[in-house]
């Protein structure tokens, strides 16, 4: 680890790893880390929705635009509405079986969670 902050031939240096900021090893590893255990969980919830159930898809390590695109695809597959809130996809109605099947086809490690 180096305390070098600037190099005339490399530019700004990362204070954590000592590499040039464009080639920083810290940020590259941070982007590749998976939130949680890497498993996508599909659950059902009615709390705070006046008894109406929604299916929640959690554990996806995607950015906001990718998450919205996946939500759109899942909503079309289920033929219903939904939204993305705080990194969680909410699909209206009970669609756990369909969503687990679809996410598995897309290459995600998905499982049903809850009752």
PDB file of N, CA and C in Angstrom:
ATOM      1  N   UNK A   1       0.846  -1.178   0.000  1.00  0.00           N
ATOM      2  CA  UNK A   1       0.000   0.000   0.000  1.00  0.00           C
ATOM      3  C   UNK A   1       0.883   1.230   0.000  1.00  0.00           C
ATOM      4  N   UNK A   2       0.502   2.204  -0.790  1.00  0.00           N
ATOM      5  CA  UNK A   2       1.303   3.401  -0.968  1.00  0.00           C
ATOM      6  C   UNK A   2       0.543   4.621  -0.467  1.00  0.00           C
ATOM      7  N   UNK A   3       1.287   5.614   0.013  1.00  0.00           N
ATOM      8  CA  UNK A   3       0.656   6.858   0.438  1.00  0.00           C
ATOM      9  C   UNK A   3       0.719   7.907  -0.668  1.00  0.00           C
ATOM     10  N   UNK A   4       1.117   7.490  -1.866  1.00  0.00           N
ATOM     11  CA  UNK A   4       1.203   8.367  -3.017  1.00  0.00           C
ATOM     12  C   UNK A   4      -0.192   8.813  -3.438  1.00  0.00           C
ATOM     13  N   UNK A   5      -0.418  10.123  -3.578  1.00  0.00           N
ATOM     14  CA  UNK A   5      -1.733  10.645  -3.944  1.00  0.00           C
ATOM     15  C   UNK A   5      -1.805  11.018  -5.419  1.00  0.00           C
ATOM     16  N   UNK A   6      -0.670  11.368  -6.034  1.00  0.00           N
ATOM     17  CA  UNK A   6      -0.662  11.794  -7.425  1.00  0.00           C
ATOM     18  C   UNK A   6       0.636  11.343  -8.068  1.00  0.00           C
ATOM     19  N   UNK A   7       0.543  10.897  -9.292  1.00  0.00           N
ATOM     20  CA  UNK A   7       1.714  10.510 -10.047  1.00  0.00           C
ATOM     21  C   UNK A   7       1.638  11.208 -11.392  1.00  0.00           C
ATOM     22  N   UNK A   8       2.745  11.791 -11.843  1.00  0.00           N
ATOM     23  CA  UNK A   8       2.715  12.532 -13.097  1.00  0.00           C
ATOM     24  C   UNK A   8       2.467  11.623 -14.293  1.00  0.00           C
ATOM     25  N   UNK A   9       2.820  10.364 -14.192  1.00  0.00           N
ATOM     26  CA  UNK A   9       2.578   9.479 -15.319  1.00  0.00           C
ATOM     27  C   UNK A   9       1.274   8.681 -15.194  1.00  0.00           C
ATOM     28  N   UNK A  10       0.703   8.576 -13.989  1.00  0.00           N
ATOM     29  CA  UNK A  10      -0.513   7.789 -13.802  1.00  0.00           C
ATOM     30  C   UNK A  10      -1.709   8.604 -13.331  1.00  0.00           C
ATOM     31  N   UNK A  11      -1.537   9.825 -12.894  1.00  0.00           N
ATOM     32  CA  UNK A  11      -2.648  10.645 -12.428  1.00  0.00           C
ATOM     33  C   UNK A  11      -2.993  10.366 -10.977  1.00  0.00           C
ATOM     34  N   UNK A  12      -4.283  10.541 -10.617  1.00  0.00           N
ATOM     35  CA  UNK A  12      -4.719  10.325  -9.232  1.00  0.00           C
ATOM     36  C   UNK A  12      -4.566   8.867  -8.840  1.00  0.00           C
ATOM     37  N   UNK A  13      -4.171   8.654  -7.592  1.00  0.00           N
ATOM     38  CA  UNK A  13      -3.964   7.313  -7.072  1.00  0.00           C
ATOM     39  C   UNK A  13      -5.007   7.009  -5.999  1.00  0.00           C
ATOM     40  N   UNK A  14      -5.458   5.764  -5.940  1.00  0.00           N
ATOM     41  CA  UNK A  14      -6.414   5.339  -4.925  1.00  0.00           C
ATOM     42  C   UNK A  14      -5.698   5.233  -3.575  1.00  0.00           C
ATOM     43  N   UNK A  15      -6.251   5.852  -2.524  1.00  0.00           N
ATOM     44  CA  UNK A  15      -5.590   5.791  -1.223  1.00  0.00           C
ATOM     45  C   UNK A  15      -5.667   4.404  -0.576  1.00  0.00           C
ATOM     46  N   UNK A  16      -6.618   3.567  -0.978  1.00  0.00           N
ATOM     47  CA  UNK A  16      -6.765   2.243  -0.366  1.00  0.00           C
ATOM     48  C   UNK A  16      -5.827   1.211  -0.969  1.00  0.00           C
ATOM     49  N   UNK A  17      -5.817   1.093  -2.304  1.00  0.00           N
ATOM     50  CA  UNK A  17      -5.034   0.027  -2.920  1.00  0.00           C
ATOM     51  C   UNK A  17      -3.737   0.513  -3.558  1.00  0.00           C
ATOM     52  N   UNK A  18      -3.584   1.828  -3.781  1.00  0.00           N
ATOM     53  CA  UNK A  18      -2.364   2.366  -4.347  1.00  0.00           C
ATOM     54  C   UNK A  18      -2.300   2.321  -5.861  1.00  0.00           C
ATOM     55  N   UNK A  19      -3.336   1.850  -6.519  1.00  0.00           N
ATOM     56  CA  UNK A  19      -3.385   1.807  -7.968  1.00  0.00           C
ATOM     57  C   UNK A  19      -3.962   3.119  -8.495  1.00  0.00           C
ATOM     58  N   UNK A  20      -3.726   3.426  -9.796  1.00  0.00           N
ATOM     59  CA  UNK A  20      -4.373   4.606 -10.378  1.00  0.00           C
ATOM     60  C   UNK A  20      -5.894   4.475 -10.266  1.00  0.00           C
ATOM     61  N   UNK A  21      -6.598   5.604 -10.086  1.00  0.00           N
ATOM     62  CA  UNK A  21      -8.040   5.588  -9.863  1.00  0.00           C
ATOM     63  C   UNK A  21      -8.779   4.858 -10.989  1.00  0.00           C
ATOM     64  N   UNK A  22      -8.344   5.012 -12.238  1.00  0.00           N
ATOM     65  CA  UNK A  22      -9.007   4.326 -13.359  1.00  0.00           C
ATOM     66  C   UNK A  22      -8.846   2.811 -13.302  1.00  0.00           C
ATOM     67  N   UNK A  23      -7.773   2.327 -12.665  1.00  0.00           N
ATOM     68  CA  UNK A  23      -7.516   0.894 -12.554  1.00  0.00           C
ATOM     69  C   UNK A  23      -7.673   0.398 -11.123  1.00  0.00           C
ATOM     70  N   UNK A  24      -8.396   1.135 -10.290  1.00  0.00           N
ATOM     71  CA  UNK A  24      -8.531   0.840  -8.867  1.00  0.00           C
ATOM     72  C   UNK A  24      -9.059  -0.571  -8.639  1.00  0.00           C
ATOM     73  N   UNK A  25      -8.383  -1.339  -7.806  1.00  0.00           N
ATOM     74  CA  UNK A  25      -8.792  -2.710  -7.490  1.00  0.00           C
ATOM     75  C   UNK A  25      -9.943  -2.710  -6.487  1.00  0.00           C
ATOM     76  N   UNK A  26     -10.022  -1.710  -5.645  1.00  0.00           N
ATOM     77  CA  UNK A  26     -11.074  -1.642  -4.618  1.00  0.00           C
ATOM     78  C   UNK A  26     -12.457  -1.526  -5.254  1.00  0.00           C
ATOM     79  N   UNK A  27     -12.638  -0.575  -6.178  1.00  0.00           N
ATOM     80  CA  UNK A  27     -13.953  -0.333  -6.763  1.00  0.00           C
ATOM     81  C   UNK A  27     -14.390  -1.489  -7.644  1.00  0.00           C
ATOM     82  N   UNK A  28     -13.474  -2.144  -8.318  1.00  0.00           N
ATOM     83  CA  UNK A  28     -13.827  -3.267  -9.179  1.00  0.00           C
ATOM     84  C   UNK A  28     -14.381  -4.416  -8.335  1.00  0.00           C
ATOM     85  N   UNK A  29     -13.768  -4.696  -7.201  1.00  0.00           N
ATOM     86  CA  UNK A  29     -14.252  -5.759  -6.325  1.00  0.00           C
ATOM     87  C   UNK A  29     -15.583  -5.393  -5.689  1.00  0.00           C
ATOM     88  N   UNK A  30     -15.777  -4.124  -5.363  1.00  0.00           N
ATOM     89  CA  UNK A  30     -17.013  -3.674  -4.735  1.00  0.00           C
ATOM     90  C   UNK A  30     -18.198  -3.869  -5.682  1.00  0.00           C
ATOM     91  N   UNK A  31     -18.017  -3.633  -6.976  1.00  0.00           N
ATOM     92  CA  UNK A  31     -19.107  -3.772  -7.937  1.00  0.00           C
ATOM     93  C   UNK A  31     -19.490  -5.231  -8.136  1.00  0.00           C
ATOM     94  N   UNK A  32     -18.534  -6.154  -7.983  1.00  0.00           N
ATOM     95  CA  UNK A  32     -18.802  -7.553  -8.248  1.00  0.00           C
ATOM     96  C   UNK A  32     -19.378  -8.281  -7.050  1.00  0.00           C
ATOM     97  N   UNK A  33     -19.366  -7.663  -5.870  1.00  0.00           N
ATOM     98  CA  UNK A  33     -19.877  -8.335  -4.690  1.00  0.00           C
ATOM     99  C   UNK A  33     -21.388  -8.509  -4.791  1.00  0.00           C
ATOM    100  N   UNK A  34     -21.855  -9.657  -4.351  1.00  0.00           N
ATOM    101  CA  UNK A  34     -23.276  -9.970  -4.373  1.00  0.00           C
ATOM    102  C   UNK A  34     -23.847  -9.652  -2.997  1.00  0.00           C
ATOM    103  N   UNK A  35     -25.005  -8.995  -2.982  1.00  0.00           N
ATOM    104  CA  UNK A  35     -25.664  -8.698  -1.711  1.00  0.00           C
ATOM    105  C   UNK A  35     -26.217  -9.984  -1.128  1.00  0.00           C
ATOM    106  N   UNK A  36     -26.044 -10.175   0.164  1.00  0.00           N
ATOM    107  CA  UNK A  36     -26.580 -11.362   0.829  1.00  0.00           C
ATOM    108  C   UNK A  36     -25.844 -12.620   0.411  1.00  0.00           C
ATOM    109  N   UNK A  37     -26.587 -13.709   0.270  1.00  0.00           N
ATOM    110  CA  UNK A  37     -25.980 -14.991  -0.054  1.00  0.00           C
ATOM    111  C   UNK A  37     -26.069 -15.337  -1.538  1.00  0.00           C
ATOM    112  N   UNK A  38     -26.584 -14.419  -2.369  1.00  0.00           N
ATOM    113  CA  UNK A  38     -26.661 -14.654  -3.801  1.00  0.00           C
ATOM    114  C   UNK A  38     -27.903 -15.403  -4.237  1.00  0.00           C
ATOM    115  N   UNK A  39     -28.783 -15.727  -3.311  1.00  0.00           N
ATOM    116  CA  UNK A  39     -30.003 -16.446  -3.650  1.00  0.00           C
ATOM    117  C   UNK A  39     -31.162 -15.461  -3.751  1.00  0.00           C
ATOM    118  N   UNK A  40     -31.950 -15.598  -4.798  1.00  0.00           N
ATOM    119  CA  UNK A  40     -33.123 -14.752  -5.002  1.00  0.00           C
ATOM    120  C   UNK A  40     -34.302 -15.407  -4.295  1.00  0.00           C
ATOM    121  N   UNK A  41     -34.974 -14.654  -3.447  1.00  0.00           N
ATOM    122  CA  UNK A  41     -36.103 -15.181  -2.687  1.00  0.00           C
ATOM    123  C   UNK A  41     -37.405 -14.562  -3.193  1.00  0.00           C
ATOM    124  N   UNK A  42     -38.396 -15.412  -3.380  1.00  0.00           N
ATOM    125  CA  UNK A  42     -39.712 -14.984  -3.860  1.00  0.00           C
ATOM    126  C   UNK A  42     -40.705 -15.285  -2.749  1.00  0.00           C
ATOM    127  N   UNK A  43     -41.316 -14.233  -2.192  1.00  0.00           N
ATOM    128  CA  UNK A  43     -42.237 -14.410  -1.064  1.00  0.00           C
ATOM    129  C   UNK A  43     -43.534 -13.659  -1.326  1.00  0.00           C
ATOM    130  N   UNK A  44     -44.509 -13.899  -0.455  1.00  0.00           N
ATOM    131  CA  UNK A  44     -45.811 -13.235  -0.565  1.00  0.00           C
ATOM    132  C   UNK A  44     -46.041 -12.407   0.684  1.00  0.00           C
ATOM    133  N   UNK A  45     -46.643 -11.235   0.522  1.00  0.00           N
ATOM    134  CA  UNK A  45     -46.890 -10.355   1.660  1.00  0.00           C
ATOM    135  C   UNK A  45     -48.207  -9.614   1.480  1.00  0.00           C
ATOM    136  N   UNK A  46     -48.917  -9.402   2.596  1.00  0.00           N
ATOM    137  CA  UNK A  46     -50.156  -8.631   2.564  1.00  0.00           C
ATOM    138  C   UNK A  46     -50.089  -7.446   3.519  1.00  0.00           C
ATOM    139  N   UNK A  47     -49.079  -7.389   4.355  1.00  0.00           N
ATOM    140  CA  UNK A  47     -48.979  -6.367   5.387  1.00  0.00           C
ATOM    141  C   UNK A  47     -48.944  -4.960   4.790  1.00  0.00           C
ATOM    142  N   UNK A  48     -49.808  -4.084   5.303  1.00  0.00           N
ATOM    143  CA  UNK A  48     -49.834  -2.694   4.861  1.00  0.00           C
ATOM    144  C   UNK A  48     -50.501  -2.485   3.518  1.00  0.00           C
ATOM    145  N   UNK A  49     -51.224  -3.476   3.032  1.00  0.00           N
ATOM    146  CA  UNK A  49     -51.855  -3.359   1.716  1.00  0.00           C
ATOM    147  C   UNK A  49     -53.359  -3.640   1.771  1.00  0.00           C
ATOM    148  N   UNK A  50     -53.949  -3.474   2.934  1.00  0.00           N
ATOM    149  CA  UNK A  50     -55.383  -3.671   3.140  1.00  0.00           C
ATOM    150  C   UNK A  50     -55.837  -5.065   2.708  1.00  0.00           C
ATOM    151  N   UNK A  51     -55.022  -6.075   3.013  1.00  0.00           N
ATOM    152  CA  UNK A  51     -55.374  -7.448   2.725  1.00  0.00           C
ATOM    153  C   UNK A  51     -55.051  -7.936   1.331  1.00  0.00           C
ATOM    154  N   UNK A  52     -54.630  -7.042   0.466  1.00  0.00           N
ATOM    155  CA  UNK A  52     -54.306  -7.450  -0.899  1.00  0.00           C
ATOM    156  C   UNK A  52     -52.869  -7.964  -0.942  1.00  0.00           C
ATOM    157  N   UNK A  53     -52.681  -9.123  -1.522  1.00  0.00           N
ATOM    158  CA  UNK A  53     -51.368  -9.754  -1.539  1.00  0.00           C
ATOM    159  C   UNK A  53     -50.509  -9.318  -2.708  1.00  0.00           C
ATOM    160  N   UNK A  54     -49.227  -9.242  -2.469  1.00  0.00           N
ATOM    161  CA  UNK A  54     -48.247  -9.007  -3.522  1.00  0.00           C
ATOM    162  C   UNK A  54     -47.144 -10.046  -3.374  1.00  0.00           C
ATOM    163  N   UNK A  55     -46.486 -10.341  -4.476  1.00  0.00           N
ATOM    164  CA  UNK A  55     -45.358 -11.246  -4.468  1.00  0.00           C
ATOM    165  C   UNK A  55     -44.096 -10.401  -4.529  1.00  0.00           C
ATOM    166  N   UNK A  56     -43.168 -10.644  -3.588  1.00  0.00           N
ATOM    167  CA  UNK A  56     -41.927  -9.879  -3.496  1.00  0.00           C
ATOM    168  C   UNK A  56     -40.765 -10.705  -4.019  1.00  0.00           C
ATOM    169  N   UNK A  57     -39.903 -10.066  -4.816  1.00  0.00           N
ATOM    170  CA  UNK A  57     -38.685 -10.705  -5.304  1.00  0.00           C
ATOM    171  C   UNK A  57     -37.523  -9.932  -4.705  1.00  0.00           C
ATOM    172  N   UNK A  58     -36.765 -10.576  -3.812  1.00  0.00           N
ATOM    173  CA  UNK A  58     -35.652  -9.921  -3.121  1.00  0.00           C
ATOM    174  C   UNK A  58     -34.353 -10.664  -3.399  1.00  0.00           C
ATOM    175  N   UNK A  59     -33.240  -9.999  -3.117  1.00  0.00           N
ATOM    176  CA  UNK A  59     -31.926 -10.623  -3.239  1.00  0.00           C
ATOM    177  C   UNK A  59     -31.275 -10.447  -4.592  1.00  0.00           C
ATOM    178  N   UNK A  60     -31.836  -9.610  -5.457  1.00  0.00           N
ATOM    179  CA  UNK A  60     -31.242  -9.364  -6.766  1.00  0.00           C
ATOM    180  C   UNK A  60     -30.170  -8.287  -6.645  1.00  0.00           C
ATOM    181  N   UNK A  61     -28.994  -8.567  -7.146  1.00  0.00           N
ATOM    182  CA  UNK A  61     -27.916  -7.584  -7.086  1.00  0.00           C
ATOM    183  C   UNK A  61     -27.786  -6.890  -8.444  1.00  0.00           C
ATOM    184  N   UNK A  62     -28.824  -6.142  -8.792  1.00  0.00           N
ATOM    185  CA  UNK A  62     -28.865  -5.406 -10.052  1.00  0.00           C
ATOM    186  C   UNK A  62     -28.999  -3.919  -9.759  1.00  0.00           C
ATOM    187  N   UNK A  63     -28.556  -3.082 -10.710  1.00  0.00           N
ATOM    188  CA  UNK A  63     -28.765  -1.656 -10.520  1.00  0.00           C
ATOM    189  C   UNK A  63     -30.218  -1.307 -10.876  1.00  0.00           C
ATOM    190  N   UNK A  64     -30.592  -0.066 -10.658  1.00  0.00           N
ATOM    191  CA  UNK A  64     -31.994   0.354 -10.784  1.00  0.00           C
ATOM    192  C   UNK A  64     -32.575   0.110 -12.174  1.00  0.00           C
ATOM    193  N   UNK A  65     -31.822   0.419 -13.234  1.00  0.00           N
ATOM    194  CA  UNK A  65     -32.362   0.244 -14.587  1.00  0.00           C
ATOM    195  C   UNK A  65     -32.532  -1.234 -14.935  1.00  0.00           C
ATOM    196  N   UNK A  66     -31.566  -2.076 -14.550  1.00  0.00           N
ATOM    197  CA  UNK A  66     -31.688  -3.506 -14.810  1.00  0.00           C
ATOM    198  C   UNK A  66     -32.838  -4.110 -14.017  1.00  0.00           C
ATOM    199  N   UNK A  67     -33.025  -3.612 -12.792  1.00  0.00           N
ATOM    200  CA  UNK A  67     -34.102  -4.102 -11.938  1.00  0.00           C
ATOM    201  C   UNK A  67     -35.464  -3.763 -12.544  1.00  0.00           C
ATOM    202  N   UNK A  68     -35.607  -2.541 -13.067  1.00  0.00           N
ATOM    203  CA  UNK A  68     -36.864  -2.140 -13.694  1.00  0.00           C
ATOM    204  C   UNK A  68     -37.141  -2.948 -14.959  1.00  0.00           C
ATOM    205  N   UNK A  69     -36.095  -3.243 -15.734  1.00  0.00           N
ATOM    206  CA  UNK A  69     -36.270  -4.045 -16.946  1.00  0.00           C
ATOM    207  C   UNK A  69     -36.706  -5.466 -16.590  1.00  0.00           C
ATOM    208  N   UNK A  70     -36.101  -6.047 -15.554  1.00  0.00           N
ATOM    209  CA  UNK A  70     -36.496  -7.384 -15.122  1.00  0.00           C
ATOM    210  C   UNK A  70     -37.921  -7.376 -14.575  1.00  0.00           C
ATOM    211  N   UNK A  71     -38.277  -6.342 -13.826  1.00  0.00           N
ATOM    212  CA  UNK A  71     -39.633  -6.226 -13.291  1.00  0.00           C
ATOM    213  C   UNK A  71     -40.657  -6.169 -14.425  1.00  0.00           C
ATOM    214  N   UNK A  72     -40.345  -5.420 -15.463  1.00  0.00           N
ATOM    215  CA  UNK A  72     -41.252  -5.328 -16.608  1.00  0.00           C
ATOM    216  C   UNK A  72     -41.454  -6.696 -17.245  1.00  0.00           C
ATOM    217  N   UNK A  73     -40.370  -7.449 -17.410  1.00  0.00           N
ATOM    218  CA  UNK A  73     -40.449  -8.779 -17.999  1.00  0.00           C
ATOM    219  C   UNK A  73     -41.282  -9.717 -17.121  1.00  0.00           C
ATOM    220  N   UNK A  74     -41.086  -9.640 -15.803  1.00  0.00           N
ATOM    221  CA  UNK A  74     -41.829 -10.509 -14.893  1.00  0.00           C
ATOM    222  C   UNK A  74     -43.312 -10.142 -14.843  1.00  0.00           C
ATOM    223  N   UNK A  75     -43.610  -8.842 -14.883  1.00  0.00           N
ATOM    224  CA  UNK A  75     -45.011  -8.400 -14.892  1.00  0.00           C
ATOM    225  C   UNK A  75     -45.720  -8.880 -16.146  1.00  0.00           C
ATOM    226  N   UNK A  76     -45.039  -8.820 -17.282  1.00  0.00           N
ATOM    227  CA  UNK A  76     -45.637  -9.299 -18.526  1.00  0.00           C
ATOM    228  C   UNK A  76     -45.869 -10.803 -18.472  1.00  0.00           C
ATOM    229  N   UNK A  77     -44.944 -11.525 -17.884  1.00  0.00           N
ATOM    230  CA  UNK A  77     -45.084 -12.993 -17.763  1.00  0.00           C
ATOM    231  C   UNK A  77     -46.290 -13.358 -16.903  1.00  0.00           C
ATOM    232  N   UNK A  78     -46.524 -12.554 -15.832  1.00  0.00           N
ATOM    233  CA  UNK A  78     -47.639 -12.830 -14.927  1.00  0.00           C
ATOM    234  C   UNK A  78     -48.937 -12.183 -15.402  1.00  0.00           C
ATOM    235  N   UNK A  79     -48.852 -11.237 -16.312  1.00  0.00           N
ATOM    236  CA  UNK A  79     -50.041 -10.554 -16.802  1.00  0.00           C
ATOM    237  C   UNK A  79     -50.662  -9.647 -15.762  1.00  0.00           C
ATOM    238  N   UNK A  80     -49.826  -8.975 -14.975  1.00  0.00           N
ATOM    239  CA  UNK A  80     -50.331  -8.124 -13.897  1.00  0.00           C
ATOM    240  C   UNK A  80     -49.404  -6.928 -13.700  1.00  0.00           C
ATOM    241  N   UNK A  81     -49.765  -6.064 -12.765  1.00  0.00           N
ATOM    242  CA  UNK A  81     -48.973  -4.875 -12.491  1.00  0.00           C
ATOM    243  C   UNK A  81     -47.959  -5.116 -11.395  1.00  0.00           C
ATOM    244  N   UNK A  82     -47.193  -4.088 -11.119  1.00  0.00           N
ATOM    245  CA  UNK A  82     -46.193  -4.178 -10.071  1.00  0.00           C
ATOM    246  C   UNK A  82     -45.305  -2.953 -10.076  1.00  0.00           C
ATOM    247  N   UNK A  83     -44.277  -2.989  -9.230  1.00  0.00           N
ATOM    248  CA  UNK A  83     -43.369  -1.860  -9.116  1.00  0.00           C
ATOM    249  C   UNK A  83     -42.037  -2.328  -8.559  1.00  0.00           C
ATOM    250  N   UNK A  84     -41.082  -1.391  -8.507  1.00  0.00           N
ATOM    251  CA  UNK A  84     -39.787  -1.632  -7.869  1.00  0.00           C
ATOM    252  C   UNK A  84     -39.635  -0.611  -6.763  1.00  0.00           C
ATOM    253  N   UNK A  85     -39.443  -1.085  -5.523  1.00  0.00           N
ATOM    254  CA  UNK A  85     -39.263  -0.197  -4.374  1.00  0.00           C
ATOM    255  C   UNK A  85     -38.062  -0.662  -3.561  1.00  0.00           C
ATOM    256  N   UNK A  86     -37.108   0.208  -3.348  1.00  0.00           N
ATOM    257  CA  UNK A  86     -35.942  -0.062  -2.503  1.00  0.00           C
ATOM    258  C   UNK A  86     -35.227  -1.355  -2.894  1.00  0.00           C
ATOM    259  N   UNK A  87     -35.062  -1.619  -4.170  1.00  0.00           N
ATOM    260  CA  UNK A  87     -34.351  -2.803  -4.628  1.00  0.00           C
ATOM    261  C   UNK A  87     -35.157  -4.089  -4.566  1.00  0.00           C
ATOM    262  N   UNK A  88     -36.462  -3.989  -4.324  1.00  0.00           N
ATOM    263  CA  UNK A  88     -37.346  -5.158  -4.252  1.00  0.00           C
ATOM    264  C   UNK A  88     -38.405  -5.030  -5.343  1.00  0.00           C
ATOM    265  N   UNK A  89     -38.597  -6.104  -6.094  1.00  0.00           N
ATOM    266  CA  UNK A  89     -39.643  -6.117  -7.115  1.00  0.00           C
ATOM    267  C   UNK A  89     -40.934  -6.589  -6.466  1.00  0.00           C
ATOM    268  N   UNK A  90     -42.004  -5.810  -6.623  1.00  0.00           N
ATOM    269  CA  UNK A  90     -43.326  -6.167  -6.111  1.00  0.00           C
ATOM    270  C   UNK A  90     -44.248  -6.446  -7.297  1.00  0.00           C
ATOM    271  N   UNK A  91     -44.808  -7.653  -7.332  1.00  0.00           N
ATOM    272  CA  UNK A  91     -45.742  -8.051  -8.381  1.00  0.00           C
ATOM    273  C   UNK A  91     -47.102  -8.267  -7.721  1.00  0.00           C
ATOM    274  N   UNK A  92     -48.149  -7.666  -8.271  1.00  0.00           N
ATOM    275  CA  UNK A  92     -49.480  -7.786  -7.677  1.00  0.00           C
ATOM    276  C   UNK A  92     -50.004  -9.209  -7.812  1.00  0.00           C
ATOM    277  N   UNK A  93     -50.540  -9.740  -6.704  1.00  0.00           N
ATOM    278  CA  UNK A  93     -51.151 -11.064  -6.717  1.00  0.00           C
ATOM    279  C   UNK A  93     -50.200 -12.164  -6.267  1.00  0.00           C
ATOM    280  N   UNK A  94     -50.704 -13.389  -6.293  1.00  0.00           N
ATOM    281  CA  UNK A  94     -49.952 -14.573  -5.879  1.00  0.00           C
ATOM    282  C   UNK A  94     -49.357 -15.242  -7.117  1.00  0.00           C
ATOM    283  N   UNK A  95     -48.051 -15.053  -7.332  1.00  0.00           N
ATOM    284  CA  UNK A  95     -47.389 -15.581  -8.530  1.00  0.00           C
ATOM    285  C   UNK A  95     -46.044 -16.220  -8.196  1.00  0.00           C
ATOM    286  N   UNK A  96     -45.902 -16.754  -6.991  1.00  0.00           N
ATOM    287  CA  UNK A  96     -44.603 -17.293  -6.575  1.00  0.00           C
ATOM    288  C   UNK A  96     -44.109 -18.416  -7.490  1.00  0.00           C
ATOM    289  N   UNK A  97     -44.969 -19.358  -7.814  1.00  0.00           N
ATOM    290  CA  UNK A  97     -44.541 -20.492  -8.635  1.00  0.00           C
ATOM    291  C   UNK A  97     -44.073 -20.043 -10.019  1.00  0.00           C
ATOM    292  N   UNK A  98     -44.839 -19.150 -10.632  1.00  0.00           N
ATOM    293  CA  UNK A  98     -44.506 -18.650 -11.966  1.00  0.00           C
ATOM    294  C   UNK A  98     -43.195 -17.869 -11.927  1.00  0.00           C
ATOM    295  N   UNK A  99     -43.018 -17.037 -10.903  1.00  0.00           N
ATOM    296  CA  UNK A  99     -41.821 -16.212 -10.819  1.00  0.00           C
ATOM    297  C   UNK A  99     -40.571 -17.040 -10.547  1.00  0.00           C
ATOM    298  N   UNK A 100     -40.675 -18.039  -9.677  1.00  0.00           N
ATOM    299  CA  UNK A 100     -39.516 -18.900  -9.414  1.00  0.00           C
ATOM    300  C   UNK A 100     -39.112 -19.625 -10.695  1.00  0.00           C
ATOM    301  N   UNK A 101     -40.088 -20.126 -11.425  1.00  0.00           N
ATOM    302  CA  UNK A 101     -39.809 -20.809 -12.687  1.00  0.00           C
ATOM    303  C   UNK A 101     -39.138 -19.870 -13.692  1.00  0.00           C
ATOM    304  N   UNK A 102     -39.682 -18.656 -13.831  1.00  0.00           N
ATOM    305  CA  UNK A 102     -39.144 -17.691 -14.796  1.00  0.00           C
ATOM    306  C   UNK A 102     -37.736 -17.237 -14.408  1.00  0.00           C
ATOM    307  N   UNK A 103     -37.508 -16.961 -13.125  1.00  0.00           N
ATOM    308  CA  UNK A 103     -36.180 -16.527 -12.674  1.00  0.00           C
ATOM    309  C   UNK A 103     -35.148 -17.640 -12.840  1.00  0.00           C
ATOM    310  N   UNK A 104     -35.559 -18.880 -12.639  1.00  0.00           N
ATOM    311  CA  UNK A 104     -34.649 -20.005 -12.836  1.00  0.00           C
ATOM    312  C   UNK A 104     -34.277 -20.129 -14.311  1.00  0.00           C
ATOM    313  N   UNK A 105     -35.247 -19.923 -15.207  1.00  0.00           N
ATOM    314  CA  UNK A 105     -34.966 -19.938 -16.644  1.00  0.00           C
ATOM    315  C   UNK A 105     -33.966 -18.853 -17.025  1.00  0.00           C
ATOM    316  N   UNK A 106     -34.050 -17.701 -16.336  1.00  0.00           N
ATOM    317  CA  UNK A 106     -33.160 -16.582 -16.623  1.00  0.00           C
ATOM    318  C   UNK A 106     -31.779 -16.751 -15.994  1.00  0.00           C
ATOM    319  N   UNK A 107     -31.576 -17.831 -15.239  1.00  0.00           N
ATOM    320  CA  UNK A 107     -30.265 -18.110 -14.680  1.00  0.00           C
ATOM    321  C   UNK A 107     -30.059 -17.685 -13.242  1.00  0.00           C
ATOM    322  N   UNK A 108     -31.096 -17.265 -12.552  1.00  0.00           N
ATOM    323  CA  UNK A 108     -30.975 -16.867 -11.150  1.00  0.00           C
ATOM    324  C   UNK A 108     -31.213 -18.084 -10.251  1.00  0.00           C
ATOM    325  N   UNK A 109     -30.568 -18.074  -9.098  1.00  0.00           N
ATOM    326  CA  UNK A 109     -30.764 -19.121  -8.100  1.00  0.00           C
ATOM    327  C   UNK A 109     -31.949 -18.682  -7.242  1.00  0.00           C
ATOM    328  N   UNK A 110     -33.163 -19.055  -7.656  1.00  0.00           N
ATOM    329  CA  UNK A 110     -34.390 -18.565  -7.016  1.00  0.00           C
ATOM    330  C   UNK A 110     -35.064 -19.665  -6.213  1.00  0.00           C
ATOM    331  N   UNK A 111     -35.685 -19.252  -5.097  1.00  0.00           N
ATOM    332  CA  UNK A 111     -36.469 -20.212  -4.307  1.00  0.00           C
ATOM    333  C   UNK A 111     -37.622 -19.489  -3.642  1.00  0.00           C
ATOM    334  N   UNK A 112     -38.657 -20.269  -3.307  1.00  0.00           N
ATOM    335  CA  UNK A 112     -39.810 -19.721  -2.603  1.00  0.00           C
ATOM    336  C   UNK A 112     -39.430 -19.507  -1.143  1.00  0.00           C
ATOM    337  N   UNK A 113     -39.876 -18.392  -0.590  1.00  0.00           N
ATOM    338  CA  UNK A 113     -39.612 -18.085   0.810  1.00  0.00           C
ATOM    339  C   UNK A 113     -40.941 -17.832   1.505  1.00  0.00           C
ATOM    340  N   UNK A 114     -40.999 -18.138   2.775  1.00  0.00           N
ATOM    341  CA  UNK A 114     -42.234 -17.920   3.526  1.00  0.00           C
ATOM    342  C   UNK A 114     -43.158 -19.120   3.414  1.00  0.00           C
ATOM    343  N   UNK A 115     -44.422 -18.917   3.845  1.00  0.00           N
ATOM    344  CA  UNK A 115     -45.399 -20.004   3.929  1.00  0.00           C
ATOM    345  C   UNK A 115     -45.983 -20.463   2.697  1.00  0.00           C
TER     346      UNK A 115
END
